[in-house]
Amino acid sequence: MDKEDIKRDFILLNVGAAKHNADWNWKDVHSPFARIHFVRRGSAKIIREDGTFNLRKNHLYLTPSYTRHTYECNGPLELYYLHIYEDLGRNLSIFDLINFPVEVEADSLVASLIRRLIDINPKRELLFYDPRSYDNSSTLADNIARQKSVPPAYELETQGILTQIFSRFLVKAEYKNRDIEKRILRSLRYIHKNIEQAIDLNYLAKVNFLTKDHFIRLFKKEMKCTPWKYINQKRIETAQLKLLIDDTTIKDIAYSMGYDSLPYFNLMFKKITGETPGSYKKKTRLR
């Protein structure tokens, strides 16, 4: 795996400080940007498919993009929050390559870094804390546009601060497969670059000088899932983003993602996200 694979341009969407009192309770949050929380005081829980995590003072918490999760808070809670969009294009996500810890202890510099982010990125605080108020098309588009209009000096500083904060998690992260088989890494890059096209496993096997069965076995060994499961996951994630930012029909998005059957697209979307494309689109179109 090359170092280039983990270099990323992050777009800061929101940053701010929040005070709660048993009112940070939101279920089934599921969106295409990552969240980082820094707990200043109090406690709460983040519930994910891989476990329940009790938030503690002076600790950082990372929730990757497209991770379904729930917040529970039964008392006072003060925290900083950062919402970060990974500008991928057709590249692999850093979360495809690395398993980040959910929790790391913050050092003395982290709070200062976040406060500096707030200073140089005004008007990025959340006006309302219900995810439905900011997990929507207009808010995401507004924040991306706002970040791209930041003065170059502040944009460079923002990137540097986000990199420093991510580095706290990277210290204790594990590569999903540091020595991933080169043929599979090549295939992953191909899948991401062609995620909206028809993907032929026979072709991927052929260019890697493997039989189709051998390719599937090797992919499963390296990625812990079949090629089609991986492809469907990435297609649905791309569809989520399209539903969020594109003003187009569900049918057109389904066909643009290579699905010939709208019912099958709906089935896969619900299986992966927990809700239908229609309900997801309706929710994200609310402001």
C-alpha atoms as a PDB file:
ATOM      1  CA  MET A   1       0.000   0.000   0.000  1.00  0.00           C
ATOM      2  CA  ASP A   2       1.364   3.413  -0.967  1.00  0.00           C
ATOM      3  CA  LYS A   3       1.427   6.438   1.346  1.00  0.00           C
ATOM      4  CA  GLU A   4      -0.466   8.243  -1.405  1.00  0.00           C
ATOM      5  CA  ASP A   5      -3.441   5.999  -0.652  1.00  0.00           C
ATOM      6  CA  ILE A   6      -3.924   7.604   2.766  1.00  0.00           C
ATOM      7  CA  LYS A   7      -3.318  11.226   1.813  1.00  0.00           C
ATOM      8  CA  ARG A   8      -6.642  13.019   1.751  1.00  0.00           C
ATOM      9  CA  ASP A   9      -8.169  16.433   1.218  1.00  0.00           C
ATOM     10  CA  PHE A  10     -10.789  16.996   3.903  1.00  0.00           C
ATOM     11  CA  ILE A  11     -13.543  19.592   3.670  1.00  0.00           C
ATOM     12  CA  LEU A  12     -14.598  21.040   7.016  1.00  0.00           C
ATOM     13  CA  LEU A  13     -18.376  21.271   7.141  1.00  0.00           C
ATOM     14  CA  ASN A  14     -19.131  22.203  10.744  1.00  0.00           C
ATOM     15  CA  VAL A  15     -17.150  22.987  13.872  1.00  0.00           C
ATOM     16  CA  GLY A  16     -18.295  24.363  17.197  1.00  0.00           C
ATOM     17  CA  ALA A  17     -18.863  23.883  20.893  1.00  0.00           C
ATOM     18  CA  ALA A  18     -22.106  22.510  22.311  1.00  0.00           C
ATOM     19  CA  LYS A  19     -23.713  22.185  25.726  1.00  0.00           C
ATOM     20  CA  HIS A  20     -26.386  19.564  26.306  1.00  0.00           C
ATOM     21  CA  ASN A  21     -28.445  18.375  29.231  1.00  0.00           C
ATOM     22  CA  ALA A  22     -30.041  15.007  28.464  1.00  0.00           C
ATOM     23  CA  ASP A  23     -31.018  16.325  25.021  1.00  0.00           C
ATOM     24  CA  TRP A  24     -28.320  14.760  22.807  1.00  0.00           C
ATOM     25  CA  ASN A  25     -30.460  11.803  21.816  1.00  0.00           C
ATOM     26  CA  TRP A  26     -30.700  10.939  18.135  1.00  0.00           C
ATOM     27  CA  LYS A  27     -31.329   7.537  16.580  1.00  0.00           C
ATOM     28  CA  ASP A  28     -30.014   5.929  13.379  1.00  0.00           C
ATOM     29  CA  VAL A  29     -27.775   8.778  12.233  1.00  0.00           C
ATOM     30  CA  HIS A  30     -26.272   7.761   8.894  1.00  0.00           C
ATOM     31  CA  SER A  31     -24.605  10.262   6.577  1.00  0.00           C
ATOM     32  CA  PRO A  32     -21.740  10.648   4.085  1.00  0.00           C
ATOM     33  CA  PHE A  33     -19.425  12.643   6.324  1.00  0.00           C
ATOM     34  CA  ALA A  34     -17.263  11.767   9.304  1.00  0.00           C
ATOM     35  CA  ARG A  35     -17.757  13.146  12.793  1.00  0.00           C
ATOM     36  CA  ILE A  36     -15.204  13.860  15.516  1.00  0.00           C
ATOM     37  CA  HIS A  37     -16.279  14.731  19.050  1.00  0.00           C
ATOM     38  CA  PHE A  38     -14.059  16.010  21.840  1.00  0.00           C
ATOM     39  CA  VAL A  39     -15.685  15.670  25.260  1.00  0.00           C
ATOM     40  CA  ARG A  40     -15.006  18.584  27.602  1.00  0.00           C
ATOM     41  CA  ARG A  41     -17.331  17.599  30.429  1.00  0.00           C
ATOM     42  CA  GLY A  42     -20.040  15.066  31.206  1.00  0.00           C
ATOM     43  CA  SER A  43     -20.823  11.751  29.580  1.00  0.00           C
ATOM     44  CA  ALA A  44     -22.966  10.144  26.886  1.00  0.00           C
ATOM     45  CA  LYS A  45     -22.993   7.118  24.606  1.00  0.00           C
ATOM     46  CA  ILE A  46     -22.428   6.477  20.930  1.00  0.00           C
ATOM     47  CA  ILE A  47     -24.061   3.213  19.865  1.00  0.00           C
ATOM     48  CA  ARG A  48     -22.814   1.536  16.697  1.00  0.00           C
ATOM     49  CA  GLU A  49     -23.106  -1.899  15.141  1.00  0.00           C
ATOM     50  CA  ASP A  50     -19.638  -2.715  16.483  1.00  0.00           C
ATOM     51  CA  GLY A  51     -20.442  -1.745  20.067  1.00  0.00           C
ATOM     52  CA  THR A  52     -21.523   0.874  22.583  1.00  0.00           C
ATOM     53  CA  PHE A  53     -18.949   3.512  23.464  1.00  0.00           C
ATOM     54  CA  ASN A  54     -19.169   5.552  26.666  1.00  0.00           C
ATOM     55  CA  LEU A  55     -17.915   9.078  26.094  1.00  0.00           C
ATOM     56  CA  ARG A  56     -15.370  10.338  28.594  1.00  0.00           C
ATOM     57  CA  LYS A  57     -13.887  13.721  29.434  1.00  0.00           C
ATOM     58  CA  ASN A  58     -10.768  14.741  27.481  1.00  0.00           C
ATOM     59  CA  HIS A  59     -11.199  12.013  24.881  1.00  0.00           C
ATOM     60  CA  LEU A  60     -11.704  12.200  21.135  1.00  0.00           C
ATOM     61  CA  TYR A  61     -14.277  10.050  19.300  1.00  0.00           C
ATOM     62  CA  LEU A  62     -14.315   9.303  15.582  1.00  0.00           C
ATOM     63  CA  THR A  63     -17.359   8.128  13.637  1.00  0.00           C
ATOM     64  CA  PRO A  64     -16.482   7.358   9.989  1.00  0.00           C
ATOM     65  CA  SER A  65     -18.732   8.371   7.120  1.00  0.00           C
ATOM     66  CA  TYR A  66     -21.638   6.037   6.315  1.00  0.00           C
ATOM     67  CA  THR A  67     -21.524   4.533   9.815  1.00  0.00           C
ATOM     68  CA  ARG A  68     -24.998   4.087  11.260  1.00  0.00           C
ATOM     69  CA  HIS A  69     -25.040   5.176  14.907  1.00  0.00           C
ATOM     70  CA  THR A  70     -27.180   6.487  17.763  1.00  0.00           C
ATOM     71  CA  TYR A  71     -26.499   9.086  20.465  1.00  0.00           C
ATOM     72  CA  GLU A  72     -27.752   8.728  24.051  1.00  0.00           C
ATOM     73  CA  CYS A  73     -27.306  11.355  26.750  1.00  0.00           C
ATOM     74  CA  ASN A  74     -28.928  11.321  30.184  1.00  0.00           C
ATOM     75  CA  GLY A  75     -27.279  14.302  31.836  1.00  0.00           C
ATOM     76  CA  PRO A  76     -24.952  17.282  31.301  1.00  0.00           C
ATOM     77  CA  LEU A  77     -22.575  17.083  28.345  1.00  0.00           C
ATOM     78  CA  GLU A  78     -20.181  19.628  26.864  1.00  0.00           C
ATOM     79  CA  LEU A  79     -18.237  18.869  23.711  1.00  0.00           C
ATOM     80  CA  TYR A  80     -16.602  20.179  20.587  1.00  0.00           C
ATOM     81  CA  TYR A  81     -17.833  18.709  17.315  1.00  0.00           C
ATOM     82  CA  LEU A  82     -16.274  18.521  13.848  1.00  0.00           C
ATOM     83  CA  HIS A  83     -18.073  17.335  10.709  1.00  0.00           C
ATOM     84  CA  ILE A  84     -15.665  16.459   7.911  1.00  0.00           C
ATOM     85  CA  TYR A  85     -16.333  15.563   4.293  1.00  0.00           C
ATOM     86  CA  GLU A  86     -13.759  13.411   2.521  1.00  0.00           C
ATOM     87  CA  ASP A  87     -13.303  14.729  -1.016  1.00  0.00           C
ATOM     88  CA  LEU A  88     -12.806  11.402  -2.779  1.00  0.00           C
ATOM     89  CA  GLY A  89     -13.538  11.835  -6.425  1.00  0.00           C
ATOM     90  CA  ARG A  90     -13.163   8.224  -7.539  1.00  0.00           C
ATOM     91  CA  ASN A  91     -10.512   7.278  -4.984  1.00  0.00           C
ATOM     92  CA  LEU A  92     -10.688   4.838  -2.112  1.00  0.00           C
ATOM     93  CA  SER A  93     -11.835   6.259   1.195  1.00  0.00           C
ATOM     94  CA  ILE A  94      -9.281   6.347   3.978  1.00  0.00           C
ATOM     95  CA  PHE A  95     -11.858   4.337   5.950  1.00  0.00           C
ATOM     96  CA  ASP A  96     -11.657   1.587   3.313  1.00  0.00           C
ATOM     97  CA  LEU A  97      -7.988   1.149   4.052  1.00  0.00           C
ATOM     98  CA  ILE A  98      -7.636   1.740   7.778  1.00  0.00           C
ATOM     99  CA  ASN A  99      -9.483   0.668  10.922  1.00  0.00           C
ATOM    100  CA  PHE A 100      -9.406   3.720  13.161  1.00  0.00           C
ATOM    101  CA  PRO A 101     -10.014   3.442  16.904  1.00  0.00           C
ATOM    102  CA  VAL A 102     -13.298   4.918  18.051  1.00  0.00           C
ATOM    103  CA  GLU A 103     -11.723   6.570  21.098  1.00  0.00           C
ATOM    104  CA  VAL A 104      -8.332   8.131  21.824  1.00  0.00           C
ATOM    105  CA  GLU A 105      -7.185  10.227  24.745  1.00  0.00           C
ATOM    106  CA  ALA A 106      -6.696  13.856  23.768  1.00  0.00           C
ATOM    107  CA  ASP A 107      -3.457  15.662  24.508  1.00  0.00           C
ATOM    108  CA  SER A 108      -3.180  19.236  25.755  1.00  0.00           C
ATOM    109  CA  LEU A 109      -2.937  20.668  22.225  1.00  0.00           C
ATOM    110  CA  VAL A 110      -6.219  19.285  20.839  1.00  0.00           C
ATOM    111  CA  ALA A 111      -8.563  21.795  22.470  1.00  0.00           C
ATOM    112  CA  SER A 112      -6.402  24.682  21.232  1.00  0.00           C
ATOM    113  CA  LEU A 113      -6.415  23.267  17.714  1.00  0.00           C
ATOM    114  CA  ILE A 114     -10.202  23.008  17.687  1.00  0.00           C
ATOM    115  CA  ARG A 115     -10.625  26.510  19.078  1.00  0.00           C
ATOM    116  CA  ARG A 116      -8.347  27.769  16.295  1.00  0.00           C
ATOM    117  CA  LEU A 117     -10.537  25.966  13.744  1.00  0.00           C
ATOM    118  CA  ILE A 118     -13.559  27.782  15.157  1.00  0.00           C
ATOM    119  CA  ASP A 119     -11.750  31.130  14.961  1.00  0.00           C
ATOM    120  CA  ILE A 120     -10.702  30.797  11.321  1.00  0.00           C
ATOM    121  CA  ASN A 121     -13.957  29.176  10.161  1.00  0.00           C
ATOM    122  CA  PRO A 122     -16.726  31.460  11.424  1.00  0.00           C
ATOM    123  CA  LYS A 123     -20.399  30.614  11.029  1.00  0.00           C
ATOM    124  CA  ARG A 124     -19.759  26.871  10.911  1.00  0.00           C
ATOM    125  CA  GLU A 125     -21.476  26.083  14.185  1.00  0.00           C
ATOM    126  CA  LEU A 126     -24.718  24.096  14.141  1.00  0.00           C
ATOM    127  CA  LEU A 127     -27.827  26.192  14.604  1.00  0.00           C
ATOM    128  CA  PHE A 128     -29.796  23.080  15.597  1.00  0.00           C
ATOM    129  CA  TYR A 129     -28.442  19.770  16.882  1.00  0.00           C
ATOM    130  CA  ASP A 130     -31.031  17.463  15.334  1.00  0.00           C
ATOM    131  CA  PRO A 131     -29.110  15.666  12.511  1.00  0.00           C
ATOM    132  CA  ARG A 132     -32.099  16.159  10.221  1.00  0.00           C
ATOM    133  CA  SER A 133     -31.363  19.889  10.327  1.00  0.00           C
ATOM    134  CA  TYR A 134     -27.870  19.492   8.866  1.00  0.00           C
ATOM    135  CA  ASP A 135     -27.825  16.035   7.201  1.00  0.00           C
ATOM    136  CA  ASN A 136     -29.555  17.429   4.151  1.00  0.00           C
ATOM    137  CA  SER A 137     -28.772  18.483   0.613  1.00  0.00           C
ATOM    138  CA  SER A 138     -28.906  22.264   0.961  1.00  0.00           C
ATOM    139  CA  THR A 139     -26.855  22.413   4.159  1.00  0.00           C
ATOM    140  CA  LEU A 140     -24.159  20.097   2.786  1.00  0.00           C
ATOM    141  CA  ALA A 141     -23.947  22.057  -0.470  1.00  0.00           C
ATOM    142  CA  ASP A 142     -23.800  25.373   1.428  1.00  0.00           C
ATOM    143  CA  ASN A 143     -21.005  24.163   3.701  1.00  0.00           C
ATOM    144  CA  ILE A 144     -18.926  22.722   0.859  1.00  0.00           C
ATOM    145  CA  ALA A 145     -19.266  25.983  -1.062  1.00  0.00           C
ATOM    146  CA  ARG A 146     -18.390  27.980   2.058  1.00  0.00           C
ATOM    147  CA  GLN A 147     -15.240  25.947   2.657  1.00  0.00           C
ATOM    148  CA  LYS A 148     -14.111  26.385  -0.950  1.00  0.00           C
ATOM    149  CA  SER A 149     -14.398  30.161  -0.571  1.00  0.00           C
ATOM    150  CA  VAL A 150     -12.162  30.296   2.518  1.00  0.00           C
ATOM    151  CA  PRO A 151      -9.007  32.443   2.027  1.00  0.00           C
ATOM    152  CA  PRO A 152      -6.068  30.258   0.926  1.00  0.00           C
ATOM    153  CA  ALA A 153      -4.080  30.840   4.107  1.00  0.00           C
ATOM    154  CA  TYR A 154      -6.962  29.721   6.334  1.00  0.00           C
ATOM    155  CA  GLU A 155      -7.755  26.799   4.028  1.00  0.00           C
ATOM    156  CA  LEU A 156      -4.154  25.586   4.331  1.00  0.00           C
ATOM    157  CA  GLU A 157      -4.239  26.032   8.105  1.00  0.00           C
ATOM    158  CA  THR A 158      -7.576  24.221   8.318  1.00  0.00           C
ATOM    159  CA  GLN A 159      -6.155  21.272   6.370  1.00  0.00           C
ATOM    160  CA  GLY A 160      -3.146  21.199   8.678  1.00  0.00           C
ATOM    161  CA  ILE A 161      -5.284  21.190  11.821  1.00  0.00           C
ATOM    162  CA  LEU A 162      -7.590  18.462  10.507  1.00  0.00           C
ATOM    163  CA  THR A 163      -4.540  16.375   9.606  1.00  0.00           C
ATOM    164  CA  GLN A 164      -3.144  16.826  13.107  1.00  0.00           C
ATOM    165  CA  ILE A 165      -6.413  15.767  14.718  1.00  0.00           C
ATOM    166  CA  PHE A 166      -6.732  12.733  12.445  1.00  0.00           C
ATOM    167  CA  SER A 167      -3.146  11.831  13.292  1.00  0.00           C
ATOM    168  CA  ARG A 168      -4.187  11.272  16.914  1.00  0.00           C
ATOM    169  CA  PHE A 169      -6.365   8.407  15.714  1.00  0.00           C
ATOM    170  CA  LEU A 170      -3.843   7.201  13.135  1.00  0.00           C
ATOM    171  CA  VAL A 171      -1.252   6.518  15.855  1.00  0.00           C
ATOM    172  CA  LYS A 172      -3.425   3.694  17.185  1.00  0.00           C
ATOM    173  CA  ALA A 173      -5.051   2.704  13.903  1.00  0.00           C
ATOM    174  CA  GLU A 174      -4.549  -0.573  12.109  1.00  0.00           C
ATOM    175  CA  TYR A 175      -4.316  -1.005   8.378  1.00  0.00           C
ATOM    176  CA  LYS A 176      -7.064  -3.309   7.264  1.00  0.00           C
ATOM    177  CA  ASN A 177      -4.306  -5.034   5.374  1.00  0.00           C
ATOM    178  CA  ARG A 178      -0.978  -3.203   5.252  1.00  0.00           C
ATOM    179  CA  ASP A 179       0.412  -5.811   2.883  1.00  0.00           C
ATOM    180  CA  ILE A 180      -2.737  -6.101   0.813  1.00  0.00           C
ATOM    181  CA  GLU A 181      -2.196  -8.214  -2.271  1.00  0.00           C
ATOM    182  CA  LYS A 182      -1.266  -5.870  -5.135  1.00  0.00           C
ATOM    183  CA  ARG A 183      -3.774  -7.466  -7.491  1.00  0.00           C
ATOM    184  CA  ILE A 184      -6.609  -6.788  -5.033  1.00  0.00           C
ATOM    185  CA  LEU A 185      -5.463  -3.218  -4.388  1.00  0.00           C
ATOM    186  CA  ARG A 186      -5.399  -2.689  -8.163  1.00  0.00           C
ATOM    187  CA  SER A 187      -8.915  -4.119  -8.341  1.00  0.00           C
ATOM    188  CA  LEU A 188     -10.156  -1.836  -5.551  1.00  0.00           C
ATOM    189  CA  ARG A 189      -8.839   1.205  -7.392  1.00  0.00           C
ATOM    190  CA  TYR A 190     -10.568   0.009 -10.565  1.00  0.00           C
ATOM    191  CA  ILE A 191     -13.866  -0.547  -8.717  1.00  0.00           C
ATOM    192  CA  HIS A 192     -13.846   2.960  -7.239  1.00  0.00           C
ATOM    193  CA  LYS A 193     -12.949   4.622 -10.532  1.00  0.00           C
ATOM    194  CA  ASN A 194     -15.684   2.708 -12.334  1.00  0.00           C
ATOM    195  CA  ILE A 195     -18.305   2.465  -9.588  1.00  0.00           C
ATOM    196  CA  GLU A 196     -20.986   3.955 -11.879  1.00  0.00           C
ATOM    197  CA  GLN A 197     -20.150   1.569 -14.709  1.00  0.00           C
ATOM    198  CA  ALA A 198     -20.826  -2.115 -15.271  1.00  0.00           C
ATOM    199  CA  ILE A 199     -18.105  -4.042 -13.443  1.00  0.00           C
ATOM    200  CA  ASP A 200     -17.244  -7.459 -14.840  1.00  0.00           C
ATOM    201  CA  LEU A 201     -15.527  -9.857 -12.449  1.00  0.00           C
ATOM    202  CA  ASN A 202     -14.336 -11.860 -15.428  1.00  0.00           C
ATOM    203  CA  TYR A 203     -12.450  -8.784 -16.619  1.00  0.00           C
ATOM    204  CA  LEU A 204     -10.908  -8.149 -13.183  1.00  0.00           C
ATOM    205  CA  ALA A 205      -9.830 -11.773 -12.976  1.00  0.00           C
ATOM    206  CA  LYS A 206      -8.345 -11.691 -16.462  1.00  0.00           C
ATOM    207  CA  VAL A 207      -6.267  -8.515 -15.985  1.00  0.00           C
ATOM    208  CA  ASN A 208      -4.916  -9.995 -12.751  1.00  0.00           C
ATOM    209  CA  PHE A 209      -4.031 -13.288 -14.492  1.00  0.00           C
ATOM    210  CA  LEU A 210      -6.423 -15.275 -12.326  1.00  0.00           C
ATOM    211  CA  THR A 211      -9.424 -17.447 -12.900  1.00  0.00           C
ATOM    212  CA  LYS A 212     -12.701 -15.918 -11.753  1.00  0.00           C
ATOM    213  CA  ASP A 213     -13.009 -18.391  -8.858  1.00  0.00           C
ATOM    214  CA  HIS A 214      -9.431 -17.746  -7.750  1.00  0.00           C
ATOM    215  CA  PHE A 215      -9.992 -13.991  -7.934  1.00  0.00           C
ATOM    216  CA  ILE A 216     -13.121 -14.223  -5.766  1.00  0.00           C
ATOM    217  CA  ARG A 217     -11.305 -16.352  -3.181  1.00  0.00           C
ATOM    218  CA  LEU A 218      -8.336 -13.983  -3.086  1.00  0.00           C
ATOM    219  CA  PHE A 219     -10.601 -10.920  -2.795  1.00  0.00           C
ATOM    220  CA  LYS A 220     -12.528 -12.502   0.063  1.00  0.00           C
ATOM    221  CA  LYS A 221      -9.301 -13.422   1.846  1.00  0.00           C
ATOM    222  CA  GLU A 222      -7.980  -9.851   1.610  1.00  0.00           C
ATOM    223  CA  MET A 223     -11.210  -7.865   2.113  1.00  0.00           C
ATOM    224  CA  LYS A 224     -13.251 -10.266   4.320  1.00  0.00           C
ATOM    225  CA  CYS A 225     -16.179 -10.079   1.904  1.00  0.00           C
ATOM    226  CA  THR A 226     -17.021 -11.075  -1.647  1.00  0.00           C
ATOM    227  CA  PRO A 227     -16.349  -8.681  -4.547  1.00  0.00           C
ATOM    228  CA  TRP A 228     -20.077  -8.167  -5.141  1.00  0.00           C
ATOM    229  CA  LYS A 229     -20.776  -7.363  -1.517  1.00  0.00           C
ATOM    230  CA  TYR A 230     -18.015  -4.755  -1.612  1.00  0.00           C
ATOM    231  CA  ILE A 231     -19.220  -3.325  -4.939  1.00  0.00           C
ATOM    232  CA  ASN A 232     -22.816  -3.075  -3.693  1.00  0.00           C
ATOM    233  CA  GLN A 233     -21.662  -1.357  -0.494  1.00  0.00           C
ATOM    234  CA  LYS A 234     -19.739   1.268  -2.440  1.00  0.00           C
ATOM    235  CA  ARG A 235     -22.508   1.754  -4.978  1.00  0.00           C
ATOM    236  CA  ILE A 236     -25.074   2.359  -2.257  1.00  0.00           C
ATOM    237  CA  GLU A 237     -22.746   4.796  -0.497  1.00  0.00           C
ATOM    238  CA  THR A 238     -22.362   6.685  -3.776  1.00  0.00           C
ATOM    239  CA  ALA A 239     -26.137   6.585  -4.235  1.00  0.00           C
ATOM    240  CA  GLN A 240     -26.577   8.082  -0.747  1.00  0.00           C
ATOM    241  CA  LEU A 241     -24.384  10.994  -1.715  1.00  0.00           C
ATOM    242  CA  LYS A 242     -26.252  11.448  -4.998  1.00  0.00           C
ATOM    243  CA  LEU A 243     -29.597  11.442  -3.178  1.00  0.00           C
ATOM    244  CA  LEU A 244     -28.192  14.061  -0.841  1.00  0.00           C
ATOM    245  CA  ILE A 245     -26.703  16.482  -3.355  1.00  0.00           C
ATOM    246  CA  ASP A 246     -28.259  15.722  -6.764  1.00  0.00           C
ATOM    247  CA  ASP A 247     -31.740  16.827  -7.748  1.00  0.00           C
ATOM    248  CA  THR A 248     -32.630  13.675  -9.668  1.00  0.00           C
ATOM    249  CA  THR A 249     -35.026  10.756  -9.341  1.00  0.00           C
ATOM    250  CA  ILE A 250     -34.372   7.572  -7.422  1.00  0.00           C
ATOM    251  CA  LYS A 251     -34.905   5.597 -10.613  1.00  0.00           C
ATOM    252  CA  ASP A 252     -32.248   7.594 -12.476  1.00  0.00           C
ATOM    253  CA  ILE A 253     -29.794   7.194  -9.594  1.00  0.00           C
ATOM    254  CA  ALA A 254     -30.416   3.449  -9.485  1.00  0.00           C
ATOM    255  CA  TYR A 255     -29.725   3.094 -13.211  1.00  0.00           C
ATOM    256  CA  SER A 256     -26.711   5.412 -13.024  1.00  0.00           C
ATOM    257  CA  MET A 257     -25.222   3.106 -10.371  1.00  0.00           C
ATOM    258  CA  GLY A 258     -25.472   0.092 -12.649  1.00  0.00           C
ATOM    259  CA  TYR A 259     -28.692  -1.408 -11.262  1.00  0.00           C
ATOM    260  CA  ASP A 260     -31.035  -2.666 -13.976  1.00  0.00           C
ATOM    261  CA  SER A 261     -33.819  -3.342 -11.470  1.00  0.00           C
ATOM    262  CA  LEU A 262     -35.277  -0.576  -9.296  1.00  0.00           C
ATOM    263  CA  PRO A 263     -36.751  -3.078  -6.771  1.00  0.00           C
ATOM    264  CA  TYR A 264     -33.317  -4.689  -6.382  1.00  0.00           C
ATOM    265  CA  PHE A 265     -31.725  -1.264  -5.847  1.00  0.00           C
ATOM    266  CA  ASN A 266     -34.359  -0.481  -3.205  1.00  0.00           C
ATOM    267  CA  LEU A 267     -33.697  -3.840  -1.539  1.00  0.00           C
ATOM    268  CA  MET A 268     -29.923  -3.317  -1.434  1.00  0.00           C
ATOM    269  CA  PHE A 269     -30.300   0.283  -0.248  1.00  0.00           C
ATOM    270  CA  LYS A 270     -32.493  -0.743   2.677  1.00  0.00           C
ATOM    271  CA  LYS A 271     -30.271  -3.713   3.524  1.00  0.00           C
ATOM    272  CA  ILE A 272     -27.192  -1.494   3.774  1.00  0.00           C
ATOM    273  CA  THR A 273     -28.645   1.742   5.193  1.00  0.00           C
ATOM    274  CA  GLY A 274     -31.650   0.480   7.126  1.00  0.00           C
ATOM    275  CA  GLU A 275     -34.130   2.641   5.225  1.00  0.00           C
ATOM    276  CA  THR A 276     -35.601   2.923   1.745  1.00  0.00           C
ATOM    277  CA  PRO A 277     -34.202   5.381  -0.830  1.00  0.00           C
ATOM    278  CA  GLY A 278     -37.508   7.247  -0.690  1.00  0.00           C
ATOM    279  CA  SER A 279     -37.432   7.786   3.074  1.00  0.00           C
ATOM    280  CA  TYR A 280     -33.733   8.706   2.950  1.00  0.00           C
ATOM    281  CA  LYS A 281     -34.319  11.269   0.204  1.00  0.00           C
ATOM    282  CA  LYS A 282     -37.325  12.750   1.986  1.00  0.00           C
ATOM    283  CA  LYS A 283     -35.354  13.057   5.216  1.00  0.00           C
ATOM    284  CA  THR A 284     -32.335  14.682   3.578  1.00  0.00           C
ATOM    285  CA  ARG A 285     -34.461  17.157   1.647  1.00  0.00           C
ATOM    286  CA  LEU A 286     -35.782  18.576   4.901  1.00  0.00           C
ATOM    287  CA  ARG A 287     -34.028  21.677   6.150  1.00  0.00           C
END
